[in-house]
Amino acid sequence: MRRFYQESWQGIPFTSFSHISFFHLAEPKFYAVFYEELFRRYKNWDDLPAVWRENKRKDARWLIGQLRDQVAREAQPRTEPVRVLSIGSGVGYMEKILLEEMPELELHVNEPSTVGMKWLRQQIPSERIYIGLPPACLPPDVHYDMIYLSTVDYGIPTREFTYLLQELRAQLAPGGEIILLSASLLEEDSFIGSFVNAIKIVIRGFLHYLGIRRQQFWGWRRTRDEYRQLFKQAGCTQVQDGWLQDGFETYWIRGK
């Protein structure tokens, strides 16, 4: 596992809207201010970068394929809608695609800040929107056929991540699964690689301190083995993983 840093997101430099920290993770307040800036620059989903939208569209369609396969495997005809929970929905573009291509879906969404829900509130009833940090903000009596986390894992410390996966697993319906999509996979973690990375962090910290190149501590990159271990520690079974052909080689891992 290695720390990594960001200077911008969606083409928006962090220094343009917020104080940034080299040592502390971005908190909900940071994301709230970020989304205020994003909505000032972009008026709707179509204004977002086209390459990013295409990547997310492919990821959403892959999730739809997994849901339809899951329903097809059920022994009895379904009498209730397929229920899905998105953890850390962001601007909600993937959720928009899910609802467009699978309108019968009962979609529930979560975000740490209400600000980021501006566009998505037009698509999803308020009673299916959970603001705050999961699992505390989630209703304990609602169960889901799928719970997915799309590119939010980087900002969750390992102990909290294991606990979150355990709690989310308890909210799966029979036959349900957790799917994680990650854009922060660490390809390898050798001693030499870790040593070089440590030197880079020192240099980044020096440049940050001098104000030459200010960077926000963004989270951690994890190896494939570390992701698999996290899922197993959380009690997940039938753990599988792989890569999506979405243009970004997004890593996925799933468990029941």
C-alpha atoms as a PDB file:
ATOM      1  CA  MET A   1       0.000   0.000   0.000  1.00  0.00           C
ATOM      2  CA  ARG A   2       1.372   3.425  -0.917  1.00  0.00           C
ATOM      3  CA  ARG A   3       0.263   6.996  -0.346  1.00  0.00           C
ATOM      4  CA  PHE A   4      -0.503   9.148  -3.371  1.00  0.00           C
ATOM      5  CA  TYR A   5      -1.376  12.777  -4.056  1.00  0.00           C
ATOM      6  CA  GLN A   6      -3.550  14.848  -6.367  1.00  0.00           C
ATOM      7  CA  GLU A   7      -3.345  18.408  -7.634  1.00  0.00           C
ATOM      8  CA  SER A   8      -6.620  18.525  -9.540  1.00  0.00           C
ATOM      9  CA  TRP A   9      -9.775  16.588 -10.343  1.00  0.00           C
ATOM     10  CA  GLN A  10     -12.108  16.933 -13.357  1.00  0.00           C
ATOM     11  CA  GLY A  11      -9.722  19.586 -14.635  1.00  0.00           C
ATOM     12  CA  ILE A  12     -10.179  21.747 -11.515  1.00  0.00           C
ATOM     13  CA  PRO A  13      -6.954  22.653  -9.646  1.00  0.00           C
ATOM     14  CA  PHE A  14      -7.434  22.240  -5.905  1.00  0.00           C
ATOM     15  CA  THR A  15      -5.546  25.453  -5.163  1.00  0.00           C
ATOM     16  CA  SER A  16      -8.257  27.371  -7.035  1.00  0.00           C
ATOM     17  CA  PHE A  17     -10.931  26.686  -4.411  1.00  0.00           C
ATOM     18  CA  SER A  18      -9.519  25.267  -1.189  1.00  0.00           C
ATOM     19  CA  HIS A  19      -6.703  25.005   1.299  1.00  0.00           C
ATOM     20  CA  ILE A  20      -5.004  21.676   0.657  1.00  0.00           C
ATOM     21  CA  SER A  21      -3.064  19.420   2.991  1.00  0.00           C
ATOM     22  CA  PHE A  22      -0.055  17.262   2.254  1.00  0.00           C
ATOM     23  CA  PHE A  23      -0.563  15.231   5.437  1.00  0.00           C
ATOM     24  CA  HIS A  24      -4.323  14.888   5.968  1.00  0.00           C
ATOM     25  CA  LEU A  25      -6.949  13.217   3.801  1.00  0.00           C
ATOM     26  CA  ALA A  26      -9.557  15.379   2.133  1.00  0.00           C
ATOM     27  CA  GLU A  27     -12.621  15.595   4.389  1.00  0.00           C
ATOM     28  CA  PRO A  28     -16.335  15.959   3.469  1.00  0.00           C
ATOM     29  CA  LYS A  29     -15.972  19.753   3.658  1.00  0.00           C
ATOM     30  CA  PHE A  30     -13.288  19.605   0.949  1.00  0.00           C
ATOM     31  CA  TYR A  31     -15.587  17.620  -1.343  1.00  0.00           C
ATOM     32  CA  ALA A  32     -18.495  19.973  -0.670  1.00  0.00           C
ATOM     33  CA  VAL A  33     -16.425  22.980  -1.745  1.00  0.00           C
ATOM     34  CA  PHE A  34     -15.092  21.038  -4.726  1.00  0.00           C
ATOM     35  CA  TYR A  35     -18.588  20.210  -5.962  1.00  0.00           C
ATOM     36  CA  GLU A  36     -19.653  23.831  -5.566  1.00  0.00           C
ATOM     37  CA  GLU A  37     -16.775  24.767  -7.872  1.00  0.00           C
ATOM     38  CA  LEU A  38     -17.579  21.925 -10.279  1.00  0.00           C
ATOM     39  CA  PHE A  39     -21.226  22.962 -10.586  1.00  0.00           C
ATOM     40  CA  ARG A  40     -20.105  26.543 -11.181  1.00  0.00           C
ATOM     41  CA  ARG A  41     -17.965  25.426 -14.126  1.00  0.00           C
ATOM     42  CA  TYR A  42     -20.170  22.632 -15.507  1.00  0.00           C
ATOM     43  CA  LYS A  43     -23.914  23.057 -15.969  1.00  0.00           C
ATOM     44  CA  ASN A  44     -24.840  19.411 -16.582  1.00  0.00           C
ATOM     45  CA  TRP A  45     -23.385  15.933 -17.133  1.00  0.00           C
ATOM     46  CA  ASP A  46     -22.771  16.596 -20.833  1.00  0.00           C
ATOM     47  CA  ASP A  47     -20.288  19.335 -19.943  1.00  0.00           C
ATOM     48  CA  LEU A  48     -17.981  16.877 -18.174  1.00  0.00           C
ATOM     49  CA  PRO A  49     -14.908  15.596 -20.079  1.00  0.00           C
ATOM     50  CA  ALA A  50     -15.988  13.239 -22.879  1.00  0.00           C
ATOM     51  CA  VAL A  51     -13.275  10.630 -22.214  1.00  0.00           C
ATOM     52  CA  TRP A  52     -14.254  10.413 -18.542  1.00  0.00           C
ATOM     53  CA  ARG A  53     -17.953  10.070 -19.450  1.00  0.00           C
ATOM     54  CA  GLU A  54     -17.216   7.260 -21.894  1.00  0.00           C
ATOM     55  CA  ASN A  55     -15.195   5.427 -19.245  1.00  0.00           C
ATOM     56  CA  LYS A  56     -18.009   5.707 -16.701  1.00  0.00           C
ATOM     57  CA  ARG A  57     -20.632   4.722 -19.289  1.00  0.00           C
ATOM     58  CA  LYS A  58     -18.768   1.482 -20.008  1.00  0.00           C
ATOM     59  CA  ASP A  59     -18.408   0.777 -16.279  1.00  0.00           C
ATOM     60  CA  ALA A  60     -22.129   1.352 -15.704  1.00  0.00           C
ATOM     61  CA  ARG A  61     -23.054  -0.966 -18.577  1.00  0.00           C
ATOM     62  CA  TRP A  62     -20.761  -3.638 -17.142  1.00  0.00           C
ATOM     63  CA  LEU A  63     -22.597  -3.375 -13.811  1.00  0.00           C
ATOM     64  CA  ILE A  64     -25.916  -3.695 -15.638  1.00  0.00           C
ATOM     65  CA  GLY A  65     -24.643  -6.882 -17.244  1.00  0.00           C
ATOM     66  CA  GLN A  66     -23.745  -8.289 -13.815  1.00  0.00           C
ATOM     67  CA  LEU A  67     -27.197  -7.428 -12.466  1.00  0.00           C
ATOM     68  CA  ARG A  68     -28.999  -9.053 -15.372  1.00  0.00           C
ATOM     69  CA  ASP A  69     -26.866 -12.181 -15.037  1.00  0.00           C
ATOM     70  CA  GLN A  70     -27.702 -12.287 -11.344  1.00  0.00           C
ATOM     71  CA  VAL A  71     -31.445 -12.069 -12.021  1.00  0.00           C
ATOM     72  CA  ALA A  72     -31.186 -14.727 -14.738  1.00  0.00           C
ATOM     73  CA  ARG A  73     -29.630 -17.149 -12.242  1.00  0.00           C
ATOM     74  CA  GLU A  74     -32.526 -16.876  -9.793  1.00  0.00           C
ATOM     75  CA  ALA A  75     -34.628 -20.018  -9.489  1.00  0.00           C
ATOM     76  CA  GLN A  76     -37.939 -18.202  -8.997  1.00  0.00           C
ATOM     77  CA  PRO A  77     -39.392 -15.276 -10.982  1.00  0.00           C
ATOM     78  CA  ARG A  78     -38.654 -11.990  -9.226  1.00  0.00           C
ATOM     79  CA  THR A  79     -41.628 -10.193  -7.642  1.00  0.00           C
ATOM     80  CA  GLU A  80     -39.633  -7.198  -6.339  1.00  0.00           C
ATOM     81  CA  PRO A  81     -37.464  -4.711  -8.247  1.00  0.00           C
ATOM     82  CA  VAL A  82     -33.703  -5.147  -8.314  1.00  0.00           C
ATOM     83  CA  ARG A  83     -32.317  -2.948  -5.527  1.00  0.00           C
ATOM     84  CA  VAL A  84     -28.833  -1.434  -5.805  1.00  0.00           C
ATOM     85  CA  LEU A  85     -26.823   0.844  -3.508  1.00  0.00           C
ATOM     86  CA  SER A  86     -24.068   3.125  -4.813  1.00  0.00           C
ATOM     87  CA  ILE A  87     -21.487   4.143  -2.193  1.00  0.00           C
ATOM     88  CA  GLY A  88     -19.838   7.468  -3.007  1.00  0.00           C
ATOM     89  CA  SER A  89     -21.872   8.366  -6.086  1.00  0.00           C
ATOM     90  CA  GLY A  90     -20.025  11.609  -6.845  1.00  0.00           C
ATOM     91  CA  VAL A  91     -21.720  13.649  -9.567  1.00  0.00           C
ATOM     92  CA  GLY A  92     -23.917  10.632 -10.311  1.00  0.00           C
ATOM     93  CA  TYR A  93     -23.051  10.018 -13.961  1.00  0.00           C
ATOM     94  CA  MET A  94     -22.840   6.238 -13.628  1.00  0.00           C
ATOM     95  CA  GLU A  95     -26.124   6.280 -11.739  1.00  0.00           C
ATOM     96  CA  LYS A  96     -27.705   8.320 -14.537  1.00  0.00           C
ATOM     97  CA  ILE A  97     -26.645   5.653 -17.061  1.00  0.00           C
ATOM     98  CA  LEU A  98     -27.909   2.832 -14.833  1.00  0.00           C
ATOM     99  CA  LEU A  99     -31.366   4.404 -14.633  1.00  0.00           C
ATOM    100  CA  GLU A 100     -31.495   5.218 -18.346  1.00  0.00           C
ATOM    101  CA  GLU A 101     -30.679   1.653 -19.397  1.00  0.00           C
ATOM    102  CA  MET A 102     -32.412  -0.166 -16.544  1.00  0.00           C
ATOM    103  CA  PRO A 103     -35.358   2.093 -15.553  1.00  0.00           C
ATOM    104  CA  GLU A 104     -36.957  -0.656 -13.464  1.00  0.00           C
ATOM    105  CA  LEU A 105     -33.982  -0.507 -11.092  1.00  0.00           C
ATOM    106  CA  GLU A 106     -34.556   0.659  -7.519  1.00  0.00           C
ATOM    107  CA  LEU A 107     -31.381   2.690  -7.056  1.00  0.00           C
ATOM    108  CA  HIS A 108     -30.199   4.053  -3.698  1.00  0.00           C
ATOM    109  CA  VAL A 109     -27.209   6.402  -3.480  1.00  0.00           C
ATOM    110  CA  ASN A 110     -24.784   7.681  -0.865  1.00  0.00           C
ATOM    111  CA  GLU A 111     -22.498  10.711  -0.700  1.00  0.00           C
ATOM    112  CA  PRO A 112     -20.688  12.347   2.250  1.00  0.00           C
ATOM    113  CA  SER A 113     -21.938  15.804   1.233  1.00  0.00           C
ATOM    114  CA  THR A 114     -25.371  16.890   0.049  1.00  0.00           C
ATOM    115  CA  VAL A 115     -23.768  19.398  -2.343  1.00  0.00           C
ATOM    116  CA  GLY A 116     -22.663  16.658  -4.756  1.00  0.00           C
ATOM    117  CA  MET A 117     -26.247  15.442  -5.181  1.00  0.00           C
ATOM    118  CA  LYS A 118     -27.354  18.510  -7.165  1.00  0.00           C
ATOM    119  CA  TRP A 119     -27.921  16.756 -10.506  1.00  0.00           C
ATOM    120  CA  LEU A 120     -28.790  13.345  -9.106  1.00  0.00           C
ATOM    121  CA  ARG A 121     -31.645  14.690  -6.976  1.00  0.00           C
ATOM    122  CA  GLN A 122     -33.593  15.158 -10.214  1.00  0.00           C
ATOM    123  CA  GLN A 123     -33.331  11.425 -10.881  1.00  0.00           C
ATOM    124  CA  ILE A 124     -33.705   9.736  -7.481  1.00  0.00           C
ATOM    125  CA  PRO A 125     -36.331  10.150  -4.724  1.00  0.00           C
ATOM    126  CA  SER A 126     -35.006  11.854  -1.598  1.00  0.00           C
ATOM    127  CA  GLU A 127     -35.786   8.823   0.580  1.00  0.00           C
ATOM    128  CA  ARG A 128     -33.224   6.821  -1.411  1.00  0.00           C
ATOM    129  CA  ILE A 129     -30.439   9.374  -0.935  1.00  0.00           C
ATOM    130  CA  TYR A 130     -28.201   8.888   2.119  1.00  0.00           C
ATOM    131  CA  ILE A 131     -25.904  11.742   3.094  1.00  0.00           C
ATOM    132  CA  GLY A 132     -22.971  11.010   5.374  1.00  0.00           C
ATOM    133  CA  LEU A 133     -20.300   8.408   5.926  1.00  0.00           C
ATOM    134  CA  PRO A 134     -21.397   4.783   5.589  1.00  0.00           C
ATOM    135  CA  PRO A 135     -22.374   2.568   7.239  1.00  0.00           C
ATOM    136  CA  ALA A 136     -23.682   4.987   9.893  1.00  0.00           C
ATOM    137  CA  CYS A 137     -25.856   6.929   7.428  1.00  0.00           C
ATOM    138  CA  LEU A 138     -27.500   3.831   5.894  1.00  0.00           C
ATOM    139  CA  PRO A 139     -30.881   2.447   7.008  1.00  0.00           C
ATOM    140  CA  PRO A 140     -30.095  -0.946   8.608  1.00  0.00           C
ATOM    141  CA  ASP A 141     -33.339  -2.618   7.512  1.00  0.00           C
ATOM    142  CA  VAL A 142     -32.872  -2.170   3.737  1.00  0.00           C
ATOM    143  CA  HIS A 143     -31.090  -4.950   1.832  1.00  0.00           C
ATOM    144  CA  TYR A 144     -29.596  -4.817  -1.642  1.00  0.00           C
ATOM    145  CA  ASP A 145     -28.997  -7.160  -4.564  1.00  0.00           C
ATOM    146  CA  MET A 146     -25.815  -5.265  -5.309  1.00  0.00           C
ATOM    147  CA  ILE A 147     -23.735  -2.711  -3.429  1.00  0.00           C
ATOM    148  CA  TYR A 148     -21.007  -1.093  -5.485  1.00  0.00           C
ATOM    149  CA  LEU A 149     -18.198   1.324  -4.692  1.00  0.00           C
ATOM    150  CA  SER A 150     -16.798   3.103  -7.734  1.00  0.00           C
ATOM    151  CA  THR A 151     -13.342   4.686  -7.335  1.00  0.00           C
ATOM    152  CA  VAL A 152     -13.826   5.693  -3.700  1.00  0.00           C
ATOM    153  CA  ASP A 153     -11.632   3.075  -2.013  1.00  0.00           C
ATOM    154  CA  TYR A 154      -8.427   5.139  -2.232  1.00  0.00           C
ATOM    155  CA  GLY A 155      -9.589   7.485   0.527  1.00  0.00           C
ATOM    156  CA  ILE A 156     -10.553   4.813   3.084  1.00  0.00           C
ATOM    157  CA  PRO A 157      -7.927   3.630   5.629  1.00  0.00           C
ATOM    158  CA  THR A 158      -7.541  -0.130   5.816  1.00  0.00           C
ATOM    159  CA  ARG A 159      -9.161  -0.709   9.227  1.00  0.00           C
ATOM    160  CA  GLU A 160     -12.184   1.431   8.349  1.00  0.00           C
ATOM    161  CA  PHE A 161     -12.357  -0.206   4.924  1.00  0.00           C
ATOM    162  CA  THR A 162     -12.538  -3.704   6.401  1.00  0.00           C
ATOM    163  CA  TYR A 163     -15.262  -2.614   8.806  1.00  0.00           C
ATOM    164  CA  LEU A 164     -17.225  -0.938   6.001  1.00  0.00           C
ATOM    165  CA  LEU A 165     -17.112  -4.054   3.841  1.00  0.00           C
ATOM    166  CA  GLN A 166     -18.266  -6.172   6.799  1.00  0.00           C
ATOM    167  CA  GLU A 167     -21.221  -3.878   7.443  1.00  0.00           C
ATOM    168  CA  LEU A 168     -22.161  -3.630   3.769  1.00  0.00           C
ATOM    169  CA  ARG A 169     -22.031  -7.407   3.427  1.00  0.00           C
ATOM    170  CA  ALA A 170     -24.592  -7.646   6.239  1.00  0.00           C
ATOM    171  CA  GLN A 171     -26.966  -5.560   4.105  1.00  0.00           C
ATOM    172  CA  LEU A 172     -26.880  -7.812   1.057  1.00  0.00           C
ATOM    173  CA  ALA A 173     -30.040  -9.642   0.050  1.00  0.00           C
ATOM    174  CA  PRO A 174     -29.718 -13.423  -0.467  1.00  0.00           C
ATOM    175  CA  GLY A 175     -27.502 -13.955  -3.508  1.00  0.00           C
ATOM    176  CA  GLY A 176     -26.379 -10.314  -3.441  1.00  0.00           C
ATOM    177  CA  GLU A 177     -22.810  -9.117  -3.887  1.00  0.00           C
ATOM    178  CA  ILE A 178     -20.427  -6.244  -3.262  1.00  0.00           C
ATOM    179  CA  ILE A 179     -18.498  -4.904  -6.246  1.00  0.00           C
ATOM    180  CA  LEU A 180     -15.579  -2.510  -6.008  1.00  0.00           C
ATOM    181  CA  LEU A 181     -14.263  -0.596  -9.026  1.00  0.00           C
ATOM    182  CA  SER A 182     -10.830   0.901  -8.403  1.00  0.00           C
ATOM    183  CA  ALA A 183      -8.750   3.414 -10.324  1.00  0.00           C
ATOM    184  CA  SER A 184      -5.914   3.261  -7.785  1.00  0.00           C
ATOM    185  CA  LEU A 185      -4.554  -0.266  -8.200  1.00  0.00           C
ATOM    186  CA  LEU A 186      -0.867  -0.618  -7.304  1.00  0.00           C
ATOM    187  CA  GLU A 187       0.659  -2.954  -9.870  1.00  0.00           C
ATOM    188  CA  GLU A 188       3.474  -4.142  -7.626  1.00  0.00           C
ATOM    189  CA  ASP A 189       4.956  -3.289  -4.233  1.00  0.00           C
ATOM    190  CA  SER A 190       8.606  -4.326  -4.174  1.00  0.00           C
ATOM    191  CA  PHE A 191      11.170  -3.062  -1.660  1.00  0.00           C
ATOM    192  CA  ILE A 192      12.920  -0.993  -4.323  1.00  0.00           C
ATOM    193  CA  GLY A 193       9.631   0.453  -5.528  1.00  0.00           C
ATOM    194  CA  SER A 194       8.628   1.399  -1.977  1.00  0.00           C
ATOM    195  CA  PHE A 195      12.042   3.012  -1.386  1.00  0.00           C
ATOM    196  CA  VAL A 196      11.814   5.070  -4.579  1.00  0.00           C
ATOM    197  CA  ASN A 197       8.254   6.082  -3.695  1.00  0.00           C
ATOM    198  CA  ALA A 198       9.390   7.240  -0.235  1.00  0.00           C
ATOM    199  CA  ILE A 199      12.025   9.471  -1.838  1.00  0.00           C
ATOM    200  CA  LYS A 200       9.412  10.910  -4.188  1.00  0.00           C
ATOM    201  CA  ILE A 201       7.139  11.701  -1.229  1.00  0.00           C
ATOM    202  CA  VAL A 202       9.969  13.583   0.492  1.00  0.00           C
ATOM    203  CA  ILE A 203      10.580  15.617  -2.678  1.00  0.00           C
ATOM    204  CA  ARG A 204       6.848  16.286  -3.088  1.00  0.00           C
ATOM    205  CA  GLY A 205       6.642  17.402   0.543  1.00  0.00           C
ATOM    206  CA  PHE A 206       9.557  19.796   0.035  1.00  0.00           C
ATOM    207  CA  LEU A 207       7.960  21.303  -3.086  1.00  0.00           C
ATOM    208  CA  HIS A 208       4.615  21.557  -1.274  1.00  0.00           C
ATOM    209  CA  TYR A 209       6.230  23.343   1.681  1.00  0.00           C
ATOM    210  CA  LEU A 210       7.914  25.843  -0.667  1.00  0.00           C
ATOM    211  CA  GLY A 211       4.626  26.463  -2.471  1.00  0.00           C
ATOM    212  CA  ILE A 212       6.126  25.373  -5.788  1.00  0.00           C
ATOM    213  CA  ARG A 213       3.813  22.412  -6.312  1.00  0.00           C
ATOM    214  CA  ARG A 214       1.037  22.076  -3.746  1.00  0.00           C
ATOM    215  CA  GLN A 215      -0.605  18.644  -3.570  1.00  0.00           C
ATOM    216  CA  GLN A 216      -3.455  17.132  -1.587  1.00  0.00           C
ATOM    217  CA  PHE A 217      -2.907  13.805   0.181  1.00  0.00           C
ATOM    218  CA  TRP A 218      -5.493  11.773  -1.733  1.00  0.00           C
ATOM    219  CA  GLY A 219      -5.248   8.305  -0.253  1.00  0.00           C
ATOM    220  CA  TRP A 220      -3.640   4.937  -0.833  1.00  0.00           C
ATOM    221  CA  ARG A 221      -2.897   2.664  -3.748  1.00  0.00           C
ATOM    222  CA  ARG A 222      -3.332  -1.030  -2.962  1.00  0.00           C
ATOM    223  CA  THR A 223      -2.109  -4.176  -4.668  1.00  0.00           C
ATOM    224  CA  ARG A 224      -4.369  -6.895  -6.017  1.00  0.00           C
ATOM    225  CA  ASP A 225      -3.391  -9.147  -3.102  1.00  0.00           C
ATOM    226  CA  GLU A 226      -4.282  -6.407  -0.617  1.00  0.00           C
ATOM    227  CA  TYR A 227      -7.743  -5.962  -2.152  1.00  0.00           C
ATOM    228  CA  ARG A 228      -8.388  -9.690  -2.073  1.00  0.00           C
ATOM    229  CA  GLN A 229      -7.242  -9.854   1.538  1.00  0.00           C
ATOM    230  CA  LEU A 230      -9.574  -6.992   2.488  1.00  0.00           C
ATOM    231  CA  PHE A 231     -12.568  -8.779   1.013  1.00  0.00           C
ATOM    232  CA  LYS A 232     -11.675 -12.026   2.735  1.00  0.00           C
ATOM    233  CA  GLN A 233     -11.124 -10.314   6.097  1.00  0.00           C
ATOM    234  CA  ALA A 234     -14.584  -8.802   5.717  1.00  0.00           C
ATOM    235  CA  GLY A 235     -16.041 -12.301   5.433  1.00  0.00           C
ATOM    236  CA  CYS A 236     -16.756 -12.172   1.710  1.00  0.00           C
ATOM    237  CA  THR A 237     -16.912 -15.455  -0.175  1.00  0.00           C
ATOM    238  CA  GLN A 238     -16.581 -16.326  -3.866  1.00  0.00           C
ATOM    239  CA  VAL A 239     -14.130 -13.450  -4.270  1.00  0.00           C
ATOM    240  CA  GLN A 240     -13.289 -12.736  -7.919  1.00  0.00           C
ATOM    241  CA  ASP A 241     -11.429  -9.909  -9.628  1.00  0.00           C
ATOM    242  CA  GLY A 242     -10.272  -8.683 -13.018  1.00  0.00           C
ATOM    243  CA  TRP A 243      -9.983  -5.646 -15.286  1.00  0.00           C
ATOM    244  CA  LEU A 244     -12.578  -3.806 -17.365  1.00  0.00           C
ATOM    245  CA  GLN A 245     -12.059  -2.944 -21.024  1.00  0.00           C
ATOM    246  CA  ASP A 246     -13.186   0.635 -20.440  1.00  0.00           C
ATOM    247  CA  GLY A 247     -10.199   2.555 -21.769  1.00  0.00           C
ATOM    248  CA  PHE A 248      -8.675   2.930 -18.301  1.00  0.00           C
ATOM    249  CA  GLU A 249      -8.213  -0.762 -17.414  1.00  0.00           C
ATOM    250  CA  THR A 250     -10.268  -0.238 -14.259  1.00  0.00           C
ATOM    251  CA  TYR A 251      -9.688  -2.978 -11.682  1.00  0.00           C
ATOM    252  CA  TRP A 252     -12.745  -4.735 -10.222  1.00  0.00           C
ATOM    253  CA  ILE A 253     -13.217  -7.113  -7.327  1.00  0.00           C
ATOM    254  CA  ARG A 254     -16.418  -8.720  -6.072  1.00  0.00           C
ATOM    255  CA  GLY A 255     -17.569 -10.895  -3.213  1.00  0.00           C
ATOM    256  CA  LYS A 256     -20.740 -12.255  -1.644  1.00  0.00           C
END
